[in-house]
Amino acid sequence: MSQEHAGAPGAAPLSVSVVIPVYRGEDTLPALLEELAALHDPRVSPGGRSFQVGEVLLVWDRGPGRSDDVIRQLASKYPWARPIWLSRNFGQHAATLAGMTSSGGDWIVTMDEDGQQDPAFIGPMLDAAYDQGAQLVYAKPTNPPPHSWLRNLGSRMAKGIFVRFLADQKFEAFNSYRLVLGEVGRSVAAYTGTGVYLDVALSWVVGDVTTCPVTVRSEGRPAGNYNYTRLFSHFGRLVVSSGTKPLFFVSAIGVVFVVLGGLAALWVAFEALFGAVPVSGWASMFIALMVVGGAVMLSLGIIAQYIGAATNMSLGKPLYVVVRDPSLTYDPDSD
């Protein structure tokens, strides 16, 4: 993919499909779509590549509020804004995959509904893709996200674990603000199974990954879509859907505890020989319960997550279901 053959002056502009999962976006979507409207007309990236946002796919995930009404208004105002209606709330990743499957652009951009991610960086992200020959570009914030220090710390730790230990590719970082080659993104979206984290699925198939520095803005609404329970659940799915790699850590933990248990057993035997143990059997019982029991419970918990994920896939549980606009079902006379 060279500049001369893609987005060069005189050539057809690169078409970009923007996918936005919508859960609670009635307050933020109008301003975000207004920014994207400025990119609907062909323009040139900082690197000299012509591109345009050809379509914006608004995937309604049946959240609270009246986001559906706002989506209808925006689709009426902007002909290139396409609503996608899901039958129930399937979650952000499933909604993103539904939009990616329905896209038709040369490149796909995924972004959140809350206004933190600036569409002005789509051009620089395209430049990063062509300059580095990358199929996937992640936004790399240069400033801390506008969340609490605890949430930011947890996010950095989770992403660090994925980047260093779980990803099939060498990732510098990952983010919900992504640019992915259209044919790759649509293939991933079509074949990704239930319970699989989107970034894990992308790491299975992309050849080259890079990042683009961006500035994160404040949310256009009070934060709160994700509490700590939901964030922890996302991290658990990230670990389990990464394949069998976590099982290696289970084995490693088992080896560590076996070694610790052996050393502790030697210490208990030494103390027992010299009568330093006040209650016979107490030390060995404590070691068995705390060390061996803890290792067994941890291992069983992780294995249970794998069994649950395998069960969901074997049952054929759909990742998402697309339906027509609910207003056409329950109020056929509505516009």
Foldseek 3Di string as FASTA:
>chain_A
DALVAAQAPPDDAFEEEEEEEDAPQLQQQVVQVVLLVVQQPWDAFPVRGIHGHQAYEYEYQPHDDPVLVVLVVVCVVDVRYHYWYFPHRLDDQLSRLVSLLPDDTQKYWYDYSFPFFRPSCPRVQVVVCNVVVWQKEAEDEPDQAPDDPVVSVVVVVLQVCCQPFQFLDNDPGHDRGMMGGSVLSNVLSVPPAALAGSRLSSSVDIDDYYYDYDHTDHTSDDDDPDDPVNVVVSSLSHVLNSPCRVVVVLVVLVVVLVVVLVVQVVVVVVCVVVVNDPDPPPSNVVSCCPRVVVSVVVNVVSVVVNVVVVVCVVVVPHSTDTDPSVCCVPPVPDD
